[in-house]
Amino acid sequence: MTDAADMWLVRRSDSAVFVVSHDGWPIKTDPDEPDLATVPGWRPVVAGVRHIGGTVNEPPTGVTAEMLCGREVTVPRRRHRAGPMLFDCSACWHVWLGVD
């Protein structure tokens, strides 16, 4: 699997959005099936839901950050064992893609 840092989003003139890998070939992006693994940056998991953070890197401990969907997440002072990621936040995914 390709690392998310090796990918970027491209919006064509017909408003279609797709992810391009480091080799220049597009990767299928379906707005109805979130795949946050293709999104670079901070993607915290909260209560089993993976979100897209509003920052590239994880903020310092104790800081509250807003996810693209509007949910606020406070970075814990102490590392907790990461819970399982059950699914991706479709609201964050639609904001990331620019879907109305």
C-alpha atoms as a PDB file:
ATOM      1  CA  MET A   1       0.000   0.000   0.000  1.00  0.00           C
ATOM      2  CA  THR A   2       1.189   3.487  -0.797  1.00  0.00           C
ATOM      3  CA  ASP A   3       1.858   5.896   2.065  1.00  0.00           C
ATOM      4  CA  ALA A   4      -0.603   8.819   2.266  1.00  0.00           C
ATOM      5  CA  ALA A   5       2.337  11.243   2.206  1.00  0.00           C
ATOM      6  CA  ASP A   6       3.068  10.062  -1.337  1.00  0.00           C
ATOM      7  CA  MET A   7      -0.405  11.081  -2.607  1.00  0.00           C
ATOM      8  CA  TRP A   8      -2.330  14.245  -3.328  1.00  0.00           C
ATOM      9  CA  LEU A   9      -5.855  15.265  -4.400  1.00  0.00           C
ATOM     10  CA  VAL A  10      -6.546  16.700  -7.842  1.00  0.00           C
ATOM     11  CA  ARG A  11      -9.773  18.386  -8.980  1.00  0.00           C
ATOM     12  CA  ARG A  12     -10.340  18.333 -12.739  1.00  0.00           C
ATOM     13  CA  SER A  13     -12.119  21.098 -14.647  1.00  0.00           C
ATOM     14  CA  ASP A  14     -15.316  18.976 -14.660  1.00  0.00           C
ATOM     15  CA  SER A  15     -15.211  19.007 -10.805  1.00  0.00           C
ATOM     16  CA  ALA A  16     -14.259  15.329 -10.553  1.00  0.00           C
ATOM     17  CA  VAL A  17     -11.896  14.698  -7.639  1.00  0.00           C
ATOM     18  CA  PHE A  18      -9.332  11.938  -7.580  1.00  0.00           C
ATOM     19  CA  VAL A  19      -6.217  11.003  -5.656  1.00  0.00           C
ATOM     20  CA  VAL A  20      -2.924  10.801  -7.533  1.00  0.00           C
ATOM     21  CA  SER A  21      -0.176   8.536  -6.231  1.00  0.00           C
ATOM     22  CA  HIS A  22       3.543   9.325  -6.287  1.00  0.00           C
ATOM     23  CA  ASP A  23       3.854   7.608  -9.671  1.00  0.00           C
ATOM     24  CA  GLY A  24       1.319  10.002 -11.261  1.00  0.00           C
ATOM     25  CA  TRP A  25      -1.489   7.468 -11.706  1.00  0.00           C
ATOM     26  CA  PRO A  26      -4.925   8.260 -10.257  1.00  0.00           C
ATOM     27  CA  ILE A  27      -6.367   6.230  -7.405  1.00  0.00           C
ATOM     28  CA  LYS A  28     -10.146   5.750  -7.380  1.00  0.00           C
ATOM     29  CA  THR A  29     -11.888   8.081  -4.920  1.00  0.00           C
ATOM     30  CA  ASP A  30     -15.558   7.417  -4.228  1.00  0.00           C
ATOM     31  CA  PRO A  31     -17.310  10.167  -2.230  1.00  0.00           C
ATOM     32  CA  ASP A  32     -19.782   7.612  -0.865  1.00  0.00           C
ATOM     33  CA  GLU A  33     -17.079   5.242   0.427  1.00  0.00           C
ATOM     34  CA  PRO A  34     -14.684   7.111   2.741  1.00  0.00           C
ATOM     35  CA  ASP A  35     -11.064   5.968   2.650  1.00  0.00           C
ATOM     36  CA  LEU A  36      -9.117   8.295   4.911  1.00  0.00           C
ATOM     37  CA  ALA A  37      -5.964   6.232   4.351  1.00  0.00           C
ATOM     38  CA  THR A  38      -5.463   8.347   1.208  1.00  0.00           C
ATOM     39  CA  VAL A  39      -5.542  11.621   3.175  1.00  0.00           C
ATOM     40  CA  PRO A  40      -2.190  12.985   4.358  1.00  0.00           C
ATOM     41  CA  GLY A  41      -1.825  14.511   7.803  1.00  0.00           C
ATOM     42  CA  TRP A  42      -3.220  13.927  11.275  1.00  0.00           C
ATOM     43  CA  ARG A  43      -6.105  11.425  11.354  1.00  0.00           C
ATOM     44  CA  PRO A  44      -7.077  10.795  14.984  1.00  0.00           C
ATOM     45  CA  VAL A  45      -9.366   7.927  15.975  1.00  0.00           C
ATOM     46  CA  VAL A  46     -12.056   8.890  18.496  1.00  0.00           C
ATOM     47  CA  ALA A  47     -14.513   6.270  19.755  1.00  0.00           C
ATOM     48  CA  GLY A  48     -13.730   4.022  16.791  1.00  0.00           C
ATOM     49  CA  VAL A  49     -14.183   6.739  14.158  1.00  0.00           C
ATOM     50  CA  ARG A  50     -11.182   8.034  12.198  1.00  0.00           C
ATOM     51  CA  HIS A  51     -11.398  11.771  11.481  1.00  0.00           C
ATOM     52  CA  ILE A  52      -9.332  14.203   9.436  1.00  0.00           C
ATOM     53  CA  GLY A  53      -7.599  16.661  11.744  1.00  0.00           C
ATOM     54  CA  GLY A  54      -7.483  20.343  10.936  1.00  0.00           C
ATOM     55  CA  THR A  55      -3.684  20.255  11.139  1.00  0.00           C
ATOM     56  CA  VAL A  56      -0.966  18.375   9.315  1.00  0.00           C
ATOM     57  CA  ASN A  57       0.706  17.158  12.516  1.00  0.00           C
ATOM     58  CA  GLU A  58      -0.756  16.176  15.859  1.00  0.00           C
ATOM     59  CA  PRO A  59      -1.058  19.255  18.102  1.00  0.00           C
ATOM     60  CA  PRO A  60       0.722  19.399  21.473  1.00  0.00           C
ATOM     61  CA  THR A  61      -0.868  17.643  24.453  1.00  0.00           C
ATOM     62  CA  GLY A  62      -3.791  19.394  26.086  1.00  0.00           C
ATOM     63  CA  VAL A  63      -4.706  21.315  22.932  1.00  0.00           C
ATOM     64  CA  THR A  64      -8.228  21.064  21.542  1.00  0.00           C
ATOM     65  CA  ALA A  65      -8.360  20.768  17.764  1.00  0.00           C
ATOM     66  CA  GLU A  66     -11.340  20.843  15.440  1.00  0.00           C
ATOM     67  CA  MET A  67     -11.798  18.046  12.922  1.00  0.00           C
ATOM     68  CA  LEU A  68     -13.030  18.852   9.415  1.00  0.00           C
ATOM     69  CA  CYS A  69     -16.502  17.598  10.398  1.00  0.00           C
ATOM     70  CA  GLY A  70     -16.619  20.073  13.304  1.00  0.00           C
ATOM     71  CA  ARG A  71     -15.987  17.615  16.148  1.00  0.00           C
ATOM     72  CA  GLU A  72     -13.536  18.917  18.737  1.00  0.00           C
ATOM     73  CA  VAL A  73     -10.824  16.586  20.005  1.00  0.00           C
ATOM     74  CA  THR A  74      -8.542  17.311  22.945  1.00  0.00           C
ATOM     75  CA  VAL A  75      -5.131  15.671  22.650  1.00  0.00           C
ATOM     76  CA  PRO A  76      -4.638  13.693  25.878  1.00  0.00           C
ATOM     77  CA  ARG A  77      -1.747  14.545  28.170  1.00  0.00           C
ATOM     78  CA  ARG A  78      -0.827  10.887  28.356  1.00  0.00           C
ATOM     79  CA  ARG A  79      -0.806   8.415  25.493  1.00  0.00           C
ATOM     80  CA  HIS A  80      -3.738   6.058  25.743  1.00  0.00           C
ATOM     81  CA  ARG A  81      -3.773   2.741  24.043  1.00  0.00           C
ATOM     82  CA  ALA A  82      -5.311   3.380  20.640  1.00  0.00           C
ATOM     83  CA  GLY A  83      -8.732   1.831  20.290  1.00  0.00           C
ATOM     84  CA  PRO A  84      -9.709   0.028  17.122  1.00  0.00           C
ATOM     85  CA  MET A  85     -10.609   2.079  14.071  1.00  0.00           C
ATOM     86  CA  LEU A  86     -14.071   0.857  13.077  1.00  0.00           C
ATOM     87  CA  PHE A  87     -14.910   3.266  10.267  1.00  0.00           C
ATOM     88  CA  ASP A  88     -14.004   6.605   8.690  1.00  0.00           C
ATOM     89  CA  CYS A  89     -15.991   9.804   9.303  1.00  0.00           C
ATOM     90  CA  SER A  90     -18.049  10.427   6.173  1.00  0.00           C
ATOM     91  CA  ALA A  91     -18.555  14.103   7.108  1.00  0.00           C
ATOM     92  CA  CYS A  92     -14.771  14.708   7.259  1.00  0.00           C
ATOM     93  CA  TRP A  93     -14.412  12.833   3.959  1.00  0.00           C
ATOM     94  CA  HIS A  94     -17.023  15.001   2.208  1.00  0.00           C
ATOM     95  CA  VAL A  95     -15.448  18.228   3.523  1.00  0.00           C
ATOM     96  CA  TRP A  96     -12.014  16.997   2.352  1.00  0.00           C
ATOM     97  CA  LEU A  97     -13.368  16.243  -1.142  1.00  0.00           C
ATOM     98  CA  GLY A  98     -15.353  19.477  -1.301  1.00  0.00           C
ATOM     99  CA  VAL A  99     -18.666  17.642  -1.753  1.00  0.00           C
ATOM    100  CA  ASP A 100     -21.723  19.730  -0.885  1.00  0.00           C
END
